[in-house]
Amino acid sequence: MAWVYTAIIASIWIVIGVFTVAKLYPSYSHNKQFCSELGAAGSATEKLSPLINNYPLGILFCAFGWYVINLENAPILVVLVGWLSVVLVTGIWGAGCFPMDANPYTESPTVTCQIHS
């Protein structure tokens, strides 16, 4: 039954994770920068951000999706939400594996930035 709480835990985790990593990023501004810049290529927190944010969040969303998929007598749309949560994990982990460019407004982004985006 605890699996039902994984979505709530993921919501809390992302807030705490982004806040924590932002404290380690010199002069990071939540108002003026993307949270993806915390893991951007060459940033001070490039390796740390996905370890704290993307990978654990992927596990939590996958666990939540698996829980929803396995609900007994669930309507098909509810099961679809479960599958979409599991599919979302590929995007979350992909964003962690492929950092965005340090400048999110670059005219010609790198391949890793394009994959991240």
Protein backbone atom coordinates (compact mmCIF):
# COMPACT_ATOMS: atom_id res chain seq x y z
CA MET A 1 0.00 0.00 0.00
CA ALA A 2 2.95 2.36 0.53
CA TRP A 3 3.49 2.56 -3.24
CA VAL A 4 0.55 4.92 -3.49
CA TYR A 5 2.65 7.58 -1.75
CA THR A 6 5.49 7.53 -4.28
CA ALA A 7 3.93 10.34 -6.35
CA ILE A 8 3.67 12.56 -3.27
CA ILE A 9 7.23 11.67 -2.27
CA ALA A 10 8.40 12.53 -5.82
CA SER A 11 6.75 15.95 -5.58
CA ILE A 12 8.46 16.70 -2.28
CA TRP A 13 11.75 15.18 -3.51
CA ILE A 14 11.98 17.48 -6.56
CA VAL A 15 11.45 20.60 -4.45
CA ILE A 16 14.05 19.58 -1.87
CA GLY A 17 16.44 18.23 -4.53
CA VAL A 18 16.40 21.33 -6.71
CA PHE A 19 16.69 23.60 -3.66
CA THR A 20 19.64 21.59 -2.30
CA VAL A 21 21.56 21.45 -5.59
CA ALA A 22 20.85 25.15 -6.24
CA LYS A 23 22.59 25.99 -2.96
CA LEU A 24 25.75 24.35 -4.38
CA TYR A 25 25.54 26.22 -7.71
CA PRO A 26 27.26 29.62 -7.41
CA SER A 27 24.78 32.51 -7.87
CA TYR A 28 21.95 30.28 -9.16
CA SER A 29 18.61 32.12 -9.43
CA HIS A 30 15.34 30.16 -9.32
CA ASN A 31 13.61 33.17 -10.89
CA LYS A 32 15.99 33.68 -13.83
CA GLN A 33 17.33 30.22 -14.70
CA PHE A 34 15.99 26.80 -15.69
CA CYS A 35 16.35 24.01 -13.13
CA SER A 36 17.99 22.01 -15.93
CA GLU A 37 20.90 24.46 -15.75
CA LEU A 38 21.83 22.83 -12.44
CA GLY A 39 22.95 19.80 -14.45
CA ALA A 40 24.15 21.71 -17.51
CA ALA A 41 27.42 20.77 -19.18
CA GLY A 42 30.28 22.42 -17.33
CA SER A 43 28.21 23.62 -14.38
CA ALA A 44 29.45 23.21 -10.83
CA THR A 45 26.67 20.71 -10.16
CA GLU A 46 26.63 18.87 -13.51
CA LYS A 47 27.21 15.40 -12.01
CA LEU A 48 25.42 15.99 -8.71
CA SER A 49 22.09 17.26 -10.03
CA PRO A 50 21.03 14.07 -11.86
CA LEU A 51 22.16 11.93 -8.92
CA ILE A 52 19.93 13.87 -6.54
CA ASN A 53 17.07 14.74 -8.89
CA ASN A 54 16.66 12.75 -12.12
CA TYR A 55 17.58 9.22 -11.10
CA PRO A 56 15.70 9.00 -7.77
CA LEU A 57 12.69 10.75 -9.31
CA GLY A 58 12.70 8.21 -12.12
CA ILE A 59 12.59 5.40 -9.59
CA LEU A 60 9.73 7.05 -7.69
CA PHE A 61 7.66 7.69 -10.83
CA CYS A 62 8.30 4.17 -12.07
CA ALA A 63 7.17 2.74 -8.71
CA PHE A 64 4.04 4.90 -8.80
CA GLY A 65 3.29 3.89 -12.38
CA TRP A 66 3.75 0.22 -11.54
CA TYR A 67 1.41 0.60 -8.56
CA VAL A 68 -1.29 2.21 -10.74
CA ILE A 69 -0.88 -0.37 -13.53
CA ASN A 70 -1.46 -3.16 -11.02
CA LEU A 71 -4.60 -1.74 -9.39
CA GLU A 72 -7.40 -4.27 -9.50
CA ASN A 73 -10.47 -3.32 -11.54
CA ALA A 74 -8.96 0.02 -12.51
CA PRO A 75 -10.49 1.78 -15.51
CA ILE A 76 -8.38 1.72 -18.66
CA LEU A 77 -7.64 5.45 -18.40
CA VAL A 78 -6.22 4.96 -14.90
CA VAL A 79 -4.03 2.13 -16.17
CA LEU A 80 -2.95 4.41 -19.03
CA VAL A 81 -1.82 6.99 -16.46
CA GLY A 82 0.30 4.26 -14.89
CA TRP A 83 1.92 3.39 -18.21
CA LEU A 84 2.51 7.06 -19.03
CA SER A 85 4.21 7.48 -15.64
CA VAL A 86 6.56 4.62 -16.49
CA VAL A 87 7.24 6.09 -19.95
CA LEU A 88 7.92 9.48 -18.32
CA VAL A 89 10.89 7.85 -16.57
CA THR A 90 12.73 7.52 -19.89
CA GLY A 91 12.52 11.29 -20.29
CA ILE A 92 13.57 11.97 -16.71
CA TRP A 93 16.58 9.65 -16.93
CA GLY A 94 17.42 10.84 -20.44
CA ALA A 95 17.50 14.43 -19.20
CA GLY A 96 19.87 13.31 -16.45
CA CYS A 97 22.18 11.40 -18.81
CA PHE A 98 22.34 14.13 -21.45
CA PRO A 99 23.05 17.55 -19.95
CA MET A 100 21.79 20.72 -21.54
CA ASP A 101 24.21 23.39 -22.73
CA ALA A 102 25.38 26.00 -20.25
CA ASN A 103 23.56 28.62 -22.35
CA PRO A 104 19.95 27.48 -22.82
CA TYR A 105 19.39 30.14 -25.49
CA THR A 106 22.20 29.08 -27.82
CA GLU A 107 21.42 29.27 -31.54
CA SER A 108 23.00 25.87 -32.26
CA PRO A 109 22.59 23.51 -29.31
CA THR A 110 24.77 20.42 -28.96
CA VAL A 111 23.34 16.96 -29.59
CA THR A 112 23.25 16.24 -25.85
CA CYS A 113 21.27 19.44 -25.28
CA GLN A 114 18.83 18.48 -28.03
CA ILE A 115 18.34 15.05 -26.47
CA HIS A 116 17.93 16.65 -23.04
CA SER A 117 15.33 19.05 -24.37
